[in-house]
């Protein structure tokens, strides 16, 4: 039996051989080591940082727009749809 600190378990969908596509997906446990878990976690953190940077850029552009043309932006935002 593997050491608890060296292996982690995840659940993945396995439905490639199912004859009926409307049937619920079968679950299969997948084991991966701690190094793979760290790589996945780092990839998730990188994606979060990328989205945070993009949100900051959008926020900064909105701030610049409000600074230079506040009345026009407020008129546009106050229109009813």
Protein backbone atom coordinates (compact mmCIF):
# COMPACT_ATOMS: atom_id res chain seq x y z
CA UNK A 1 0.00 0.00 0.00
CA UNK A 2 1.44 3.41 -0.94
CA UNK A 3 2.36 5.99 1.64
CA UNK A 4 -0.43 8.54 2.22
CA UNK A 5 1.94 11.45 1.63
CA UNK A 6 3.26 10.16 -1.68
CA UNK A 7 -0.05 9.32 -3.41
CA UNK A 8 -3.27 11.26 -3.76
CA UNK A 9 -6.52 10.04 -5.26
CA UNK A 10 -8.83 11.81 -7.66
CA UNK A 11 -12.06 10.85 -9.35
CA UNK A 12 -12.33 10.94 -13.12
CA UNK A 13 -15.17 10.14 -15.50
CA UNK A 14 -14.74 7.01 -17.57
CA UNK A 15 -17.51 6.70 -20.14
CA UNK A 16 -15.74 5.91 -23.40
CA UNK A 17 -16.93 2.28 -23.70
CA UNK A 18 -20.50 2.89 -22.58
CA UNK A 19 -22.98 1.73 -25.25
CA UNK A 20 -25.73 4.10 -24.05
CA UNK A 21 -24.58 7.72 -24.11
CA UNK A 22 -27.52 8.85 -21.96
CA UNK A 23 -26.44 6.55 -19.11
CA UNK A 24 -24.71 8.22 -16.17
CA UNK A 25 -20.92 8.30 -16.29
CA UNK A 26 -19.04 5.64 -14.38
CA UNK A 27 -16.53 6.87 -11.82
CA UNK A 28 -13.02 5.49 -11.56
CA UNK A 29 -10.42 6.46 -8.97
CA UNK A 30 -7.13 7.72 -10.31
CA UNK A 31 -3.99 7.87 -8.21
CA UNK A 32 -1.22 10.38 -8.79
CA UNK A 33 1.84 11.29 -6.78
CA UNK A 34 2.54 14.44 -4.81
CA UNK A 35 4.74 15.92 -7.56
CA UNK A 36 1.85 15.74 -10.03
CA UNK A 37 -0.47 17.28 -7.45
CA UNK A 38 1.97 20.17 -6.99
CA UNK A 39 2.15 20.68 -10.76
CA UNK A 40 -1.65 20.81 -10.97
CA UNK A 41 -1.87 23.21 -8.03
CA UNK A 42 0.79 25.47 -9.57
CA UNK A 43 -1.06 25.49 -12.89
CA UNK A 44 -4.27 26.51 -11.11
CA UNK A 45 -2.46 29.28 -9.23
CA UNK A 46 -0.94 30.53 -12.49
CA UNK A 47 -4.39 30.68 -14.10
CA UNK A 48 -5.78 32.56 -11.10
CA UNK A 49 -2.90 35.05 -11.28
CA UNK A 50 -3.50 35.49 -15.02
CA UNK A 51 -7.19 36.25 -14.44
CA UNK A 52 -6.32 38.63 -11.60
CA UNK A 53 -3.95 40.51 -13.91
CA UNK A 54 -6.59 40.74 -16.60
CA UNK A 55 -9.15 42.03 -14.10
CA UNK A 56 -6.66 44.63 -12.91
CA UNK A 57 -6.09 45.81 -16.47
CA UNK A 58 -9.84 46.10 -17.07
CA UNK A 59 -10.30 47.96 -13.79
CA UNK A 60 -7.45 50.31 -14.66
CA UNK A 61 -8.93 51.00 -18.11
CA UNK A 62 -12.34 51.73 -16.59
CA UNK A 63 -10.71 54.09 -14.09
CA UNK A 64 -8.92 55.95 -16.92
CA UNK A 65 -12.16 56.17 -18.88
CA UNK A 66 -14.04 57.54 -15.87
CA UNK A 67 -11.25 60.03 -15.25
CA UNK A 68 -11.27 61.45 -18.80
CA UNK A 69 -14.97 61.10 -19.79
CA UNK A 70 -17.05 60.70 -16.62
CA UNK A 71 -20.30 62.24 -17.88
CA UNK A 72 -20.38 60.11 -21.02
CA UNK A 73 -19.75 56.90 -19.06
CA UNK A 74 -22.40 57.72 -16.45
CA UNK A 75 -24.92 58.52 -19.20
CA UNK A 76 -24.20 55.21 -20.89
CA UNK A 77 -24.43 53.24 -17.65
CA UNK A 78 -27.66 54.95 -16.60
CA UNK A 79 -29.58 53.99 -19.76
CA UNK A 80 -32.30 51.38 -19.31
CA UNK A 81 -32.22 48.28 -21.44
